[in-house]
PDB file of N, CA and C in Angstrom:
ATOM      1  N   MET A   1    -126.298 214.170  -2.732  1.00  0.00           N
ATOM      2  CA  MET A   1    -125.007 213.744  -3.228  1.00  0.00           C
ATOM      3  C   MET A   1    -124.860 214.238  -4.666  1.00  0.00           C
ATOM      4  N   ILE A   2    -123.743 214.866  -4.952  1.00  0.00           N
ATOM      5  CA  ILE A   2    -123.429 215.381  -6.288  1.00  0.00           C
ATOM      6  C   ILE A   2    -122.258 214.571  -6.844  1.00  0.00           C
ATOM      7  N   ILE A   3    -122.394 214.138  -8.086  1.00  0.00           N
ATOM      8  CA  ILE A   3    -121.344 213.360  -8.742  1.00  0.00           C
ATOM      9  C   ILE A   3    -120.830 214.147  -9.939  1.00  0.00           C
ATOM     10  N   GLY A   4    -119.522 214.301 -10.008  1.00  0.00           N
ATOM     11  CA  GLY A   4    -118.890 214.950 -11.153  1.00  0.00           C
ATOM     12  C   GLY A   4    -118.079 213.921 -11.911  1.00  0.00           C
ATOM     13  N   SER A   5    -118.314 213.804 -13.201  1.00  0.00           N
ATOM     14  CA  SER A   5    -117.548 212.852 -14.013  1.00  0.00           C
ATOM     15  C   SER A   5    -116.936 213.583 -15.197  1.00  0.00           C
ATOM     16  N   CYS A   6    -115.785 213.107 -15.622  1.00  0.00           N
ATOM     17  CA  CYS A   6    -115.080 213.759 -16.721  1.00  0.00           C
ATOM     18  C   CYS A   6    -114.335 212.719 -17.548  1.00  0.00           C
ATOM     19  N   GLU A   7    -114.334 212.923 -18.860  1.00  0.00           N
ATOM     20  CA  GLU A   7    -113.556 212.095 -19.781  1.00  0.00           C
ATOM     21  C   GLU A   7    -112.613 213.027 -20.537  1.00  0.00           C
ATOM     22  N   VAL A   8    -111.321 212.779 -20.386  1.00  0.00           N
ATOM     23  CA  VAL A   8    -110.294 213.640 -20.962  1.00  0.00           C
ATOM     24  C   VAL A   8    -109.546 212.866 -22.040  1.00  0.00           C
ATOM     25  N   THR A   9    -109.363 213.488 -23.196  1.00  0.00           N
ATOM     26  CA  THR A   9    -108.637 212.860 -24.302  1.00  0.00           C
ATOM     27  C   THR A   9    -107.347 213.621 -24.553  1.00  0.00           C
ATOM     28  N   PHE A  10    -106.254 212.874 -24.619  1.00  0.00           N
ATOM     29  CA  PHE A  10    -104.933 213.431 -24.892  1.00  0.00           C
ATOM     30  C   PHE A  10    -104.381 212.823 -26.170  1.00  0.00           C
ATOM     31  N   HIS A  11    -103.524 213.571 -26.837  1.00  0.00           N
ATOM     32  CA  HIS A  11    -102.787 213.062 -27.995  1.00  0.00           C
ATOM     33  C   HIS A  11    -101.304 213.095 -27.640  1.00  0.00           C
ATOM     34  N   ALA A  12    -100.666 211.941 -27.712  1.00  0.00           N
ATOM     35  CA  ALA A  12     -99.240 211.812 -27.392  1.00  0.00           C
ATOM     36  C   ALA A  12     -98.502 211.437 -28.668  1.00  0.00           C
ATOM     37  N   ASP A  13     -98.088 212.432 -29.407  1.00  0.00           N
ATOM     38  CA  ASP A  13     -97.489 212.209 -30.725  1.00  0.00           C
ATOM     39  C   ASP A  13     -96.164 211.441 -30.664  1.00  0.00           C
ATOM     40  N   TRP A  14     -95.402 211.610 -29.608  1.00  0.00           N
ATOM     41  CA  TRP A  14     -94.081 210.991 -29.505  1.00  0.00           C
ATOM     42  C   TRP A  14     -94.130 209.514 -29.113  1.00  0.00           C
ATOM     43  N   VAL A  15     -95.270 209.028 -28.619  1.00  0.00           N
ATOM     44  CA  VAL A  15     -95.385 207.646 -28.163  1.00  0.00           C
ATOM     45  C   VAL A  15     -95.363 206.714 -29.375  1.00  0.00           C
ATOM     46  N   THR A  16     -94.512 205.696 -29.302  1.00  0.00           N
ATOM     47  CA  THR A  16     -94.353 204.795 -30.446  1.00  0.00           C
ATOM     48  C   THR A  16     -94.845 203.373 -30.190  1.00  0.00           C
ATOM     49  N   SER A  17     -95.256 203.074 -28.952  1.00  0.00           N
ATOM     50  CA  SER A  17     -95.718 201.722 -28.651  1.00  0.00           C
ATOM     51  C   SER A  17     -96.742 201.758 -27.515  1.00  0.00           C
ATOM     52  N   LEU A  18     -97.477 200.680 -27.381  1.00  0.00           N
ATOM     53  CA  LEU A  18     -98.437 200.583 -26.287  1.00  0.00           C
ATOM     54  C   LEU A  18     -97.731 200.534 -24.939  1.00  0.00           C
ATOM     55  N   LYS A  19     -96.527 199.977 -24.921  1.00  0.00           N
ATOM     56  CA  LYS A  19     -95.753 199.926 -23.674  1.00  0.00           C
ATOM     57  C   LYS A  19     -95.402 201.340 -23.205  1.00  0.00           C
ATOM     58  N   GLU A  20     -94.975 202.181 -24.120  1.00  0.00           N
ATOM     59  CA  GLU A  20     -94.697 203.586 -23.781  1.00  0.00           C
ATOM     60  C   GLU A  20     -95.963 204.285 -23.294  1.00  0.00           C
ATOM     61  N   LYS A  21     -97.064 204.025 -23.983  1.00  0.00           N
ATOM     62  CA  LYS A  21     -98.333 204.646 -23.607  1.00  0.00           C
ATOM     63  C   LYS A  21     -98.733 204.232 -22.198  1.00  0.00           C
ATOM     64  N   ARG A  22     -98.583 202.957 -21.868  1.00  0.00           N
ATOM     65  CA  ARG A  22     -98.932 202.475 -20.529  1.00  0.00           C
ATOM     66  C   ARG A  22     -98.141 203.203 -19.449  1.00  0.00           C
ATOM     67  N   MET A  23     -96.877 203.494 -19.722  1.00  0.00           N
ATOM     68  CA  MET A  23     -96.051 204.211 -18.755  1.00  0.00           C
ATOM     69  C   MET A  23     -96.595 205.618 -18.521  1.00  0.00           C
ATOM     70  N   VAL A  24     -96.988 206.298 -19.591  1.00  0.00           N
ATOM     71  CA  VAL A  24     -97.541 207.654 -19.486  1.00  0.00           C
ATOM     72  C   VAL A  24     -98.869 207.616 -18.737  1.00  0.00           C
ATOM     73  N   VAL A  25     -99.738 206.684 -19.105  1.00  0.00           N
ATOM     74  CA  VAL A  25    -101.062 206.575 -18.486  1.00  0.00           C
ATOM     75  C   VAL A  25    -100.925 206.232 -17.004  1.00  0.00           C
ATOM     76  N   LYS A  26    -100.103 205.251 -16.692  1.00  0.00           N
ATOM     77  CA  LYS A  26     -99.942 204.834 -15.298  1.00  0.00           C
ATOM     78  C   LYS A  26     -99.450 205.985 -14.434  1.00  0.00           C
ATOM     79  N   SER A  27     -98.486 206.726 -14.932  1.00  0.00           N
ATOM     80  CA  SER A  27     -97.950 207.858 -14.178  1.00  0.00           C
ATOM     81  C   SER A  27     -99.030 208.904 -13.928  1.00  0.00           C
ATOM     82  N   LEU A  28     -99.750 209.287 -14.955  1.00  0.00           N
ATOM     83  CA  LEU A  28    -100.773 210.322 -14.828  1.00  0.00           C
ATOM     84  C   LEU A  28    -101.923 209.877 -13.929  1.00  0.00           C
ATOM     85  N   VAL A  29    -102.357 208.636 -14.078  1.00  0.00           N
ATOM     86  CA  VAL A  29    -103.453 208.111 -13.259  1.00  0.00           C
ATOM     87  C   VAL A  29    -103.047 208.065 -11.786  1.00  0.00           C
ATOM     88  N   GLU A  30    -101.856 207.563 -11.498  1.00  0.00           N
ATOM     89  CA  GLU A  30    -101.412 207.449 -10.107  1.00  0.00           C
ATOM     90  C   GLU A  30    -101.216 208.822  -9.465  1.00  0.00           C
ATOM     91  N   LYS A  31    -100.619 209.758 -10.189  1.00  0.00           N
ATOM     92  CA  LYS A  31    -100.429 211.110  -9.652  1.00  0.00           C
ATOM     93  C   LYS A  31    -101.769 211.768  -9.341  1.00  0.00           C
ATOM     94  N   THR A  32    -102.724 211.621 -10.249  1.00  0.00           N
ATOM     95  CA  THR A  32    -104.042 212.224 -10.069  1.00  0.00           C
ATOM     96  C   THR A  32    -104.772 211.587  -8.893  1.00  0.00           C
ATOM     97  N   ARG A  33    -104.744 210.264  -8.837  1.00  0.00           N
ATOM     98  CA  ARG A  33    -105.418 209.550  -7.747  1.00  0.00           C
ATOM     99  C   ARG A  33    -104.831 209.950  -6.399  1.00  0.00           C
ATOM    100  N   HIS A  34    -103.524 210.031  -6.321  1.00  0.00           N
ATOM    101  CA  HIS A  34    -102.852 210.356  -5.064  1.00  0.00           C
ATOM    102  C   HIS A  34    -103.141 211.790  -4.625  1.00  0.00           C
ATOM    103  N   LYS A  35    -103.080 212.736  -5.555  1.00  0.00           N
ATOM    104  CA  LYS A  35    -103.252 214.146  -5.200  1.00  0.00           C
ATOM    105  C   LYS A  35    -104.705 214.505  -4.871  1.00  0.00           C
ATOM    106  N   PHE A  36    -105.671 213.932  -5.604  1.00  0.00           N
ATOM    107  CA  PHE A  36    -107.055 214.358  -5.467  1.00  0.00           C
ATOM    108  C   PHE A  36    -107.990 213.326  -4.821  1.00  0.00           C
ATOM    109  N   ASN A  37    -107.514 212.115  -4.614  1.00  0.00           N
ATOM    110  CA  ASN A  37    -108.332 211.065  -4.009  1.00  0.00           C
ATOM    111  C   ASN A  37    -109.651 210.865  -4.767  1.00  0.00           C
ATOM    112  N   VAL A  38    -109.547 210.697  -6.082  1.00  0.00           N
ATOM    113  CA  VAL A  38    -110.705 210.442  -6.942  1.00  0.00           C
ATOM    114  C   VAL A  38    -110.500 209.112  -7.661  1.00  0.00           C
ATOM    115  N   SER A  39    -111.560 208.579  -8.216  1.00  0.00           N
ATOM    116  CA  SER A  39    -111.459 207.368  -9.032  1.00  0.00           C
ATOM    117  C   SER A  39    -111.020 207.767 -10.429  1.00  0.00           C
ATOM    118  N   VAL A  40    -109.938 207.146 -10.909  1.00  0.00           N
ATOM    119  CA  VAL A  40    -109.354 207.498 -12.203  1.00  0.00           C
ATOM    120  C   VAL A  40    -108.981 206.219 -12.938  1.00  0.00           C
ATOM    121  N   ALA A  41    -109.224 206.186 -14.255  1.00  0.00           N
ATOM    122  CA  ALA A  41    -108.850 205.018 -15.055  1.00  0.00           C
ATOM    123  C   ALA A  41    -108.765 205.400 -16.524  1.00  0.00           C
ATOM    124  N   GLU A  42    -107.994 204.612 -17.273  1.00  0.00           N
ATOM    125  CA  GLU A  42    -108.019 204.736 -18.730  1.00  0.00           C
ATOM    126  C   GLU A  42    -109.320 204.074 -19.183  1.00  0.00           C
ATOM    127  N   VAL A  43    -110.146 204.793 -19.935  1.00  0.00           N
ATOM    128  CA  VAL A  43    -111.490 204.303 -20.223  1.00  0.00           C
ATOM    129  C   VAL A  43    -111.774 203.992 -21.691  1.00  0.00           C
ATOM    130  N   ASP A  44    -110.861 204.337 -22.599  1.00  0.00           N
ATOM    131  CA  ASP A  44    -111.131 204.088 -24.014  1.00  0.00           C
ATOM    132  C   ASP A  44    -109.814 204.114 -24.794  1.00  0.00           C
ATOM    133  N   CYS A  45    -109.847 203.636 -26.010  1.00  0.00           N
ATOM    134  CA  CYS A  45    -108.719 203.658 -26.955  1.00  0.00           C
ATOM    135  C   CYS A  45    -107.475 202.967 -26.403  1.00  0.00           C
ATOM    136  N   GLN A  46    -107.645 201.892 -25.644  1.00  0.00           N
ATOM    137  CA  GLN A  46    -106.500 201.188 -25.086  1.00  0.00           C
ATOM    138  C   GLN A  46    -105.600 200.567 -26.156  1.00  0.00           C
ATOM    139  N   ASP A  47    -106.128 200.335 -27.343  1.00  0.00           N
ATOM    140  CA  ASP A  47    -105.334 199.698 -28.391  1.00  0.00           C
ATOM    141  C   ASP A  47    -104.701 200.695 -29.372  1.00  0.00           C
ATOM    142  N   GLN A  48    -104.888 201.995 -29.137  1.00  0.00           N
ATOM    143  CA  GLN A  48    -104.275 203.026 -29.981  1.00  0.00           C
ATOM    144  C   GLN A  48    -103.170 203.698 -29.176  1.00  0.00           C
ATOM    145  N   HIS A  49    -101.948 203.653 -29.663  1.00  0.00           N
ATOM    146  CA  HIS A  49    -100.837 204.112 -28.835  1.00  0.00           C
ATOM    147  C   HIS A  49    -100.653 205.628 -28.777  1.00  0.00           C
ATOM    148  N   LYS A  50    -101.263 206.389 -29.649  1.00  0.00           N
ATOM    149  CA  LYS A  50    -101.092 207.849 -29.621  1.00  0.00           C
ATOM    150  C   LYS A  50    -102.254 208.591 -28.945  1.00  0.00           C
ATOM    151  N   ILE A  51    -103.351 207.891 -28.694  1.00  0.00           N
ATOM    152  CA  ILE A  51    -104.530 208.506 -28.072  1.00  0.00           C
ATOM    153  C   ILE A  51    -104.697 207.940 -26.664  1.00  0.00           C
ATOM    154  N   ILE A  52    -104.873 208.842 -25.688  1.00  0.00           N
ATOM    155  CA  ILE A  52    -105.076 208.460 -24.289  1.00  0.00           C
ATOM    156  C   ILE A  52    -106.413 209.046 -23.845  1.00  0.00           C
ATOM    157  N   VAL A  53    -107.290 208.191 -23.336  1.00  0.00           N
ATOM    158  CA  VAL A  53    -108.577 208.656 -22.825  1.00  0.00           C
ATOM    159  C   VAL A  53    -108.671 208.230 -21.361  1.00  0.00           C
ATOM    160  N   ILE A  54    -108.735 209.228 -20.497  1.00  0.00           N
ATOM    161  CA  ILE A  54    -108.782 208.978 -19.057  1.00  0.00           C
ATOM    162  C   ILE A  54    -110.092 209.533 -18.506  1.00  0.00           C
ATOM    163  N   GLY A  55    -110.734 208.751 -17.663  1.00  0.00           N
ATOM    164  CA  GLY A  55    -111.953 209.191 -17.006  1.00  0.00           C
ATOM    165  C   GLY A  55    -111.731 209.287 -15.514  1.00  0.00           C
ATOM    166  N   PHE A  56    -112.400 210.241 -14.885  1.00  0.00           N
ATOM    167  CA  PHE A  56    -112.347 210.334 -13.428  1.00  0.00           C
ATOM    168  C   PHE A  56    -113.688 210.797 -12.891  1.00  0.00           C
ATOM    169  N   VAL A  57    -113.933 210.462 -11.624  1.00  0.00           N
ATOM    170  CA  VAL A  57    -115.202 210.762 -10.973  1.00  0.00           C
ATOM    171  C   VAL A  57    -114.932 211.268  -9.563  1.00  0.00           C
ATOM    172  N   CYS A  58    -115.684 212.301  -9.168  1.00  0.00           N
ATOM    173  CA  CYS A  58    -115.613 212.785  -7.792  1.00  0.00           C
ATOM    174  C   CYS A  58    -117.026 212.844  -7.215  1.00  0.00           C
ATOM    175  N   VAL A  59    -117.113 212.721  -5.906  1.00  0.00           N
ATOM    176  CA  VAL A  59    -118.397 212.795  -5.209  1.00  0.00           C
ATOM    177  C   VAL A  59    -118.278 213.875  -4.144  1.00  0.00           C
ATOM    178  N   THR A  60    -119.269 214.738  -4.082  1.00  0.00           N
ATOM    179  CA  THR A  60    -119.262 215.832  -3.117  1.00  0.00           C
ATOM    180  C   THR A  60    -120.687 216.194  -2.746  1.00  0.00           C
ATOM    181  N   ASN A  61    -120.852 217.237  -1.962  1.00  0.00           N
ATOM    182  CA  ASN A  61    -122.208 217.622  -1.563  1.00  0.00           C
ATOM    183  C   ASN A  61    -122.677 218.926  -2.202  1.00  0.00           C
ATOM    184  N   GLU A  62    -121.823 219.558  -3.039  1.00  0.00           N
ATOM    185  CA  GLU A  62    -122.213 220.798  -3.714  1.00  0.00           C
ATOM    186  C   GLU A  62    -121.776 220.768  -5.176  1.00  0.00           C
ATOM    187  N   LYS A  63    -122.640 221.247  -6.039  1.00  0.00           N
ATOM    188  CA  LYS A  63    -122.334 221.300  -7.474  1.00  0.00           C
ATOM    189  C   LYS A  63    -121.116 222.182  -7.736  1.00  0.00           C
ATOM    190  N   ARG A  64    -121.052 223.312  -7.068  1.00  0.00           N
ATOM    191  CA  ARG A  64    -119.943 224.245  -7.261  1.00  0.00           C
ATOM    192  C   ARG A  64    -118.599 223.596  -6.895  1.00  0.00           C
ATOM    193  N   GLN A  65    -118.602 222.791  -5.826  1.00  0.00           N
ATOM    194  CA  GLN A  65    -117.376 222.120  -5.415  1.00  0.00           C
ATOM    195  C   GLN A  65    -116.967 221.054  -6.441  1.00  0.00           C
ATOM    196  N   ALA A  66    -117.933 220.334  -6.992  1.00  0.00           N
ATOM    197  CA  ALA A  66    -117.643 219.332  -8.022  1.00  0.00           C
ATOM    198  C   ALA A  66    -117.028 220.001  -9.252  1.00  0.00           C
ATOM    199  N   ASP A  67    -117.593 221.137  -9.676  1.00  0.00           N
ATOM    200  CA  ASP A  67    -117.033 221.885 -10.805  1.00  0.00           C
ATOM    201  C   ASP A  67    -115.597 222.309 -10.514  1.00  0.00           C
ATOM    202  N   SER A  68    -115.368 222.791  -9.321  1.00  0.00           N
ATOM    203  CA  SER A  68    -114.035 223.248  -8.922  1.00  0.00           C
ATOM    204  C   SER A  68    -113.030 222.098  -8.927  1.00  0.00           C
ATOM    205  N   ILE A  69    -113.419 220.953  -8.393  1.00  0.00           N
ATOM    206  CA  ILE A  69    -112.532 219.782  -8.360  1.00  0.00           C
ATOM    207  C   ILE A  69    -112.176 219.360  -9.775  1.00  0.00           C
ATOM    208  N   ILE A  70    -113.166 219.299 -10.646  1.00  0.00           N
ATOM    209  CA  ILE A  70    -112.921 218.895 -12.033  1.00  0.00           C
ATOM    210  C   ILE A  70    -111.946 219.858 -12.704  1.00  0.00           C
ATOM    211  N   GLN A  71    -112.135 221.159 -12.537  1.00  0.00           N
ATOM    212  CA  GLN A  71    -111.236 222.148 -13.152  1.00  0.00           C
ATOM    213  C   GLN A  71    -109.822 222.024 -12.607  1.00  0.00           C
ATOM    214  N   HIS A  72    -109.679 221.802 -11.298  1.00  0.00           N
ATOM    215  CA  HIS A  72    -108.350 221.630 -10.702  1.00  0.00           C
ATOM    216  C   HIS A  72    -107.653 220.382 -11.270  1.00  0.00           C
ATOM    217  N   ILE A  73    -108.402 219.301 -11.400  1.00  0.00           N
ATOM    218  CA  ILE A  73    -107.834 218.060 -11.932  1.00  0.00           C
ATOM    219  C   ILE A  73    -107.417 218.242 -13.389  1.00  0.00           C
ATOM    220  N   LEU A  74    -108.239 218.910 -14.184  1.00  0.00           N
ATOM    221  CA  LEU A  74    -107.888 219.136 -15.593  1.00  0.00           C
ATOM    222  C   LEU A  74    -106.598 219.951 -15.714  1.00  0.00           C
ATOM    223  N   ARG A  75    -106.476 221.000 -14.908  1.00  0.00           N
ATOM    224  CA  ARG A  75    -105.239 221.798 -14.923  1.00  0.00           C
ATOM    225  C   ARG A  75    -104.044 220.953 -14.503  1.00  0.00           C
ATOM    226  N   PHE A  76    -104.232 220.157 -13.447  1.00  0.00           N
ATOM    227  CA  PHE A  76    -103.159 219.291 -12.956  1.00  0.00           C
ATOM    228  C   PHE A  76    -102.721 218.306 -14.039  1.00  0.00           C
ATOM    229  N   MET A  77    -103.677 217.667 -14.695  1.00  0.00           N
ATOM    230  CA  MET A  77    -103.352 216.694 -15.742  1.00  0.00           C
ATOM    231  C   MET A  77    -102.596 217.359 -16.889  1.00  0.00           C
ATOM    232  N   GLU A  78    -103.056 218.519 -17.287  1.00  0.00           N
ATOM    233  CA  GLU A  78    -102.415 219.220 -18.393  1.00  0.00           C
ATOM    234  C   GLU A  78    -100.968 219.593 -18.059  1.00  0.00           C
ATOM    235  N   GLN A  79    -100.713 219.948 -16.809  1.00  0.00           N
ATOM    236  CA  GLN A  79     -99.378 220.353 -16.380  1.00  0.00           C
ATOM    237  C   GLN A  79     -98.462 219.167 -16.115  1.00  0.00           C
ATOM    238  N   ASN A  80     -99.003 217.969 -15.924  1.00  0.00           N
ATOM    239  CA  ASN A  80     -98.198 216.825 -15.525  1.00  0.00           C
ATOM    240  C   ASN A  80     -98.019 215.768 -16.603  1.00  0.00           C
ATOM    241  N   THR A  81     -98.240 216.141 -17.837  1.00  0.00           N
ATOM    242  CA  THR A  81     -97.937 215.237 -18.948  1.00  0.00           C
ATOM    243  C   THR A  81     -97.524 216.072 -20.157  1.00  0.00           C
ATOM    244  N   GLU A  82     -96.726 215.462 -21.007  1.00  0.00           N
ATOM    245  CA  GLU A  82     -96.317 216.141 -22.236  1.00  0.00           C
ATOM    246  C   GLU A  82     -97.362 215.980 -23.334  1.00  0.00           C
ATOM    247  N   ALA A  83     -98.324 215.099 -23.109  1.00  0.00           N
ATOM    248  CA  ALA A  83     -99.377 214.880 -24.100  1.00  0.00           C
ATOM    249  C   ALA A  83    -100.265 216.119 -24.189  1.00  0.00           C
ATOM    250  N   GLU A  84    -100.783 216.350 -25.385  1.00  0.00           N
ATOM    251  CA  GLU A  84    -101.649 217.498 -25.623  1.00  0.00           C
ATOM    252  C   GLU A  84    -103.101 217.134 -25.305  1.00  0.00           C
ATOM    253  N   MET A  85    -103.754 217.938 -24.472  1.00  0.00           N
ATOM    254  CA  MET A  85    -105.161 217.700 -24.151  1.00  0.00           C
ATOM    255  C   MET A  85    -105.999 218.126 -25.356  1.00  0.00           C
ATOM    256  N   ILE A  86    -106.726 217.177 -25.928  1.00  0.00           N
ATOM    257  CA  ILE A  86    -107.549 217.438 -27.103  1.00  0.00           C
ATOM    258  C   ILE A  86    -108.953 217.870 -26.688  1.00  0.00           C
ATOM    259  N   SER A  87    -109.510 217.142 -25.718  1.00  0.00           N
ATOM    260  CA  SER A  87    -110.869 217.470 -25.283  1.00  0.00           C
ATOM    261  C   SER A  87    -111.098 217.024 -23.843  1.00  0.00           C
ATOM    262  N   ALA A  88    -112.077 217.644 -23.232  1.00  0.00           N
ATOM    263  CA  ALA A  88    -112.504 217.262 -21.886  1.00  0.00           C
ATOM    264  C   ALA A  88    -114.013 217.450 -21.816  1.00  0.00           C
ATOM    265  N   GLU A  89    -114.704 216.361 -21.602  1.00  0.00           N
ATOM    266  CA  GLU A  89    -116.163 216.412 -21.490  1.00  0.00           C
ATOM    267  C   GLU A  89    -116.530 216.052 -20.068  1.00  0.00           C
ATOM    268  N   PHE A  90    -117.237 216.967 -19.394  1.00  0.00           N
ATOM    269  CA  PHE A  90    -117.605 216.660 -18.020  1.00  0.00           C
ATOM    270  C   PHE A  90    -119.078 216.929 -17.761  1.00  0.00           C
ATOM    271  N   GLU A  91    -119.556 216.269 -16.725  1.00  0.00           N
ATOM    272  CA  GLU A  91    -120.958 216.352 -16.365  1.00  0.00           C
ATOM    273  C   GLU A  91    -121.052 216.308 -14.840  1.00  0.00           C
ATOM    274  N   VAL A  92    -121.908 217.136 -14.297  1.00  0.00           N
ATOM    275  CA  VAL A  92    -122.148 217.153 -12.858  1.00  0.00           C
ATOM    276  C   VAL A  92    -123.629 216.891 -12.656  1.00  0.00           C
ATOM    277  N   PHE A  93    -123.932 215.858 -11.887  1.00  0.00           N
ATOM    278  CA  PHE A  93    -125.342 215.532 -11.652  1.00  0.00           C
ATOM    279  C   PHE A  93    -125.539 215.033 -10.233  1.00  0.00           C
TER     280      PHE A  93
END
């Protein structure tokens, strides 16, 4: 069993409140979960309204497939939000 995990950080400069941030996070998390069938959640900086940190995990039987899934999800996330992706740290084990 191969597990791929990723933590993605976005900066949403236009967001002015935690309520606005929740709307952006909820939309991105639900779209990602629905399209890729992976576990996704906001994992850090919940009290900062301009920073969004989302984590996701996939399980597969090949390292190459886990890498591919992570790259597809990162591209999807970047294309489906106006927030700027600052960093993405991933690990496959």
